[in-house]
Amino acid sequence: MVYYSKRALIDLRMLFKALLQWSATHANEPTLTYDEVLQYFYSLQNECALLATATTHKQPVYEVHKKYGHYVKAYKRNKRTTWYIIYNLRSNGSILIKRIMSNHITIK
């Protein structure tokens, strides 16, 4: 089972809002339709859900990720954006997602 921390839920909510406002802040980039925003959002949520059946777990490389969790899954969304799903394993085998961050805000 996959659970989200309050911080991870905030991350998702902020991502959704940012995608809806994309055209207003990035004039040179294509505007996303509402359906495209939903598709993007759901694909990220699907990657989170896939953690429930993962057989291997990778430890974080970046210090900022280590601060939030013991494991990280990288989801390459497109050629410029990778999402990092930072999480912990609970003793009962469930997953607790602690943060969701993009490569654009990850300090290397």
C-alpha atoms as a PDB file:
ATOM      1  CA  MET A   1       0.000   0.000   0.000  1.00  0.00           C
ATOM      2  CA  VAL A   2       1.231   3.499  -0.783  1.00  0.00           C
ATOM      3  CA  TYR A   3       0.556   6.441   1.513  1.00  0.00           C
ATOM      4  CA  TYR A   4       1.379  10.123   1.126  1.00  0.00           C
ATOM      5  CA  SER A   5       2.730  12.357   3.862  1.00  0.00           C
ATOM      6  CA  LYS A   6       1.142  15.792   4.272  1.00  0.00           C
ATOM      7  CA  ARG A   7       4.217  17.292   2.587  1.00  0.00           C
ATOM      8  CA  ALA A   8       3.914  14.957  -0.417  1.00  0.00           C
ATOM      9  CA  LEU A   9       0.242  15.880  -0.806  1.00  0.00           C
ATOM     10  CA  ILE A  10       1.226  19.547  -0.774  1.00  0.00           C
ATOM     11  CA  ASP A  11       3.866  18.797  -3.424  1.00  0.00           C
ATOM     12  CA  LEU A  12       1.214  17.187  -5.637  1.00  0.00           C
ATOM     13  CA  ARG A  13      -1.237  20.036  -5.108  1.00  0.00           C
ATOM     14  CA  MET A  14       1.431  22.622  -5.943  1.00  0.00           C
ATOM     15  CA  LEU A  15       2.415  20.695  -9.068  1.00  0.00           C
ATOM     16  CA  PHE A  16      -1.191  20.578 -10.257  1.00  0.00           C
ATOM     17  CA  LYS A  17      -1.605  24.333  -9.742  1.00  0.00           C
ATOM     18  CA  ALA A  18       1.690  25.054 -11.482  1.00  0.00           C
ATOM     19  CA  LEU A  19       0.703  22.977 -14.505  1.00  0.00           C
ATOM     20  CA  LEU A  20      -2.627  24.809 -14.763  1.00  0.00           C
ATOM     21  CA  GLN A  21      -0.804  28.160 -14.698  1.00  0.00           C
ATOM     22  CA  TRP A  22       1.991  27.050 -17.043  1.00  0.00           C
ATOM     23  CA  SER A  23       1.053  29.302 -19.974  1.00  0.00           C
ATOM     24  CA  ALA A  24       0.920  32.401 -17.780  1.00  0.00           C
ATOM     25  CA  THR A  25       4.491  32.022 -16.544  1.00  0.00           C
ATOM     26  CA  HIS A  26       6.207  30.387 -19.534  1.00  0.00           C
ATOM     27  CA  ALA A  27       5.269  32.374 -22.633  1.00  0.00           C
ATOM     28  CA  ASN A  28       7.674  30.504 -24.942  1.00  0.00           C
ATOM     29  CA  GLU A  29       6.377  27.071 -23.944  1.00  0.00           C
ATOM     30  CA  PRO A  30       3.223  25.379 -25.243  1.00  0.00           C
ATOM     31  CA  THR A  31       0.085  25.813 -23.182  1.00  0.00           C
ATOM     32  CA  LEU A  32      -1.249  22.692 -21.499  1.00  0.00           C
ATOM     33  CA  THR A  33      -4.926  21.936 -21.822  1.00  0.00           C
ATOM     34  CA  TYR A  34      -6.833  20.828 -18.748  1.00  0.00           C
ATOM     35  CA  ASP A  35      -6.855  17.262 -20.088  1.00  0.00           C
ATOM     36  CA  GLU A  36      -3.064  17.368 -20.590  1.00  0.00           C
ATOM     37  CA  VAL A  37      -2.608  18.643 -17.037  1.00  0.00           C
ATOM     38  CA  LEU A  38      -4.732  15.763 -15.733  1.00  0.00           C
ATOM     39  CA  GLN A  39      -2.807  13.252 -17.835  1.00  0.00           C
ATOM     40  CA  TYR A  40       0.523  14.586 -16.504  1.00  0.00           C
ATOM     41  CA  PHE A  41      -0.743  14.576 -12.927  1.00  0.00           C
ATOM     42  CA  TYR A  42      -2.197  11.068 -13.153  1.00  0.00           C
ATOM     43  CA  SER A  43       0.974   9.693 -14.726  1.00  0.00           C
ATOM     44  CA  LEU A  44       2.962  10.944 -11.727  1.00  0.00           C
ATOM     45  CA  GLN A  45       0.427   9.458  -9.320  1.00  0.00           C
ATOM     46  CA  ASN A  46       0.650   6.178 -11.222  1.00  0.00           C
ATOM     47  CA  GLU A  47       4.432   6.135 -10.769  1.00  0.00           C
ATOM     48  CA  CYS A  48       3.855   6.594  -7.044  1.00  0.00           C
ATOM     49  CA  ALA A  49       1.365   3.714  -6.978  1.00  0.00           C
ATOM     50  CA  LEU A  50       3.850   1.431  -8.744  1.00  0.00           C
ATOM     51  CA  LEU A  51       6.080   1.624  -5.661  1.00  0.00           C
ATOM     52  CA  ALA A  52       3.704  -0.826  -3.964  1.00  0.00           C
ATOM     53  CA  THR A  53       4.914  -3.599  -6.275  1.00  0.00           C
ATOM     54  CA  ALA A  54       8.571  -2.569  -6.555  1.00  0.00           C
ATOM     55  CA  THR A  55      11.037  -5.343  -5.804  1.00  0.00           C
ATOM     56  CA  THR A  56      14.097  -3.112  -5.517  1.00  0.00           C
ATOM     57  CA  HIS A  57      14.543   0.246  -3.843  1.00  0.00           C
ATOM     58  CA  LYS A  58      17.279   2.739  -4.617  1.00  0.00           C
ATOM     59  CA  GLN A  59      18.912   4.923  -2.035  1.00  0.00           C
ATOM     60  CA  PRO A  60      19.081   8.646  -2.775  1.00  0.00           C
ATOM     61  CA  VAL A  61      22.205  10.208  -4.234  1.00  0.00           C
ATOM     62  CA  TYR A  62      21.489  13.878  -3.580  1.00  0.00           C
ATOM     63  CA  GLU A  63      21.749  15.281  -0.056  1.00  0.00           C
ATOM     64  CA  VAL A  64      18.429  17.096  -0.341  1.00  0.00           C
ATOM     65  CA  HIS A  65      16.701  13.766  -1.049  1.00  0.00           C
ATOM     66  CA  LYS A  66      18.477  12.013   1.835  1.00  0.00           C
ATOM     67  CA  LYS A  67      17.014  14.650   4.131  1.00  0.00           C
ATOM     68  CA  TYR A  68      13.482  13.439   3.394  1.00  0.00           C
ATOM     69  CA  GLY A  69      13.661   9.681   2.952  1.00  0.00           C
ATOM     70  CA  HIS A  70      15.672   6.501   2.709  1.00  0.00           C
ATOM     71  CA  TYR A  71      14.687   5.652  -0.869  1.00  0.00           C
ATOM     72  CA  VAL A  72      14.038   7.451  -4.130  1.00  0.00           C
ATOM     73  CA  LYS A  73      12.419   6.612  -7.432  1.00  0.00           C
ATOM     74  CA  ALA A  74      13.319   8.711 -10.467  1.00  0.00           C
ATOM     75  CA  TYR A  75      10.549   9.171 -13.016  1.00  0.00           C
ATOM     76  CA  LYS A  76      11.780  10.720 -16.244  1.00  0.00           C
ATOM     77  CA  ARG A  77       8.725  12.567 -17.534  1.00  0.00           C
ATOM     78  CA  ASN A  78      10.352  14.135 -20.606  1.00  0.00           C
ATOM     79  CA  LYS A  79      13.791  15.114 -21.868  1.00  0.00           C
ATOM     80  CA  ARG A  80      14.040  18.041 -19.433  1.00  0.00           C
ATOM     81  CA  THR A  81      12.093  16.913 -16.394  1.00  0.00           C
ATOM     82  CA  THR A  82      12.714  14.075 -13.954  1.00  0.00           C
ATOM     83  CA  TRP A  83      10.519  13.676 -10.899  1.00  0.00           C
ATOM     84  CA  TYR A  84      12.000  12.241  -7.725  1.00  0.00           C
ATOM     85  CA  ILE A  85       9.615  10.369  -5.458  1.00  0.00           C
ATOM     86  CA  ILE A  86      11.278  10.214  -2.057  1.00  0.00           C
ATOM     87  CA  TYR A  87       9.902   7.649   0.357  1.00  0.00           C
ATOM     88  CA  ASN A  88      10.394   5.319   3.297  1.00  0.00           C
ATOM     89  CA  LEU A  89       9.413   1.699   3.777  1.00  0.00           C
ATOM     90  CA  ARG A  90       7.279   0.960   6.809  1.00  0.00           C
ATOM     91  CA  SER A  91       7.739  -2.161   8.925  1.00  0.00           C
ATOM     92  CA  ASN A  92       4.479  -3.607   7.536  1.00  0.00           C
ATOM     93  CA  GLY A  93       5.815  -3.281   3.958  1.00  0.00           C
ATOM     94  CA  SER A  94       3.795  -0.246   2.994  1.00  0.00           C
ATOM     95  CA  ILE A  95       5.336   2.837   1.364  1.00  0.00           C
ATOM     96  CA  LEU A  96       5.206   6.347   2.802  1.00  0.00           C
ATOM     97  CA  ILE A  97       5.962   8.982   0.184  1.00  0.00           C
ATOM     98  CA  LYS A  98       7.632  11.890   1.945  1.00  0.00           C
ATOM     99  CA  ARG A  99       8.392  14.337  -0.906  1.00  0.00           C
ATOM    100  CA  ILE A 100       7.962  14.700  -4.639  1.00  0.00           C
ATOM    101  CA  MET A 101      10.553  16.966  -6.251  1.00  0.00           C
ATOM    102  CA  SER A 102      11.647  17.710  -9.774  1.00  0.00           C
ATOM    103  CA  ASN A 103      15.187  17.931 -11.060  1.00  0.00           C
ATOM    104  CA  HIS A 104      14.553  21.681 -11.434  1.00  0.00           C
ATOM    105  CA  ILE A 105      14.539  22.147  -7.660  1.00  0.00           C
ATOM    106  CA  THR A 106      16.935  19.354  -6.671  1.00  0.00           C
ATOM    107  CA  ILE A 107      20.272  20.791  -5.573  1.00  0.00           C
ATOM    108  CA  LYS A 108      23.083  18.608  -6.840  1.00  0.00           C
END
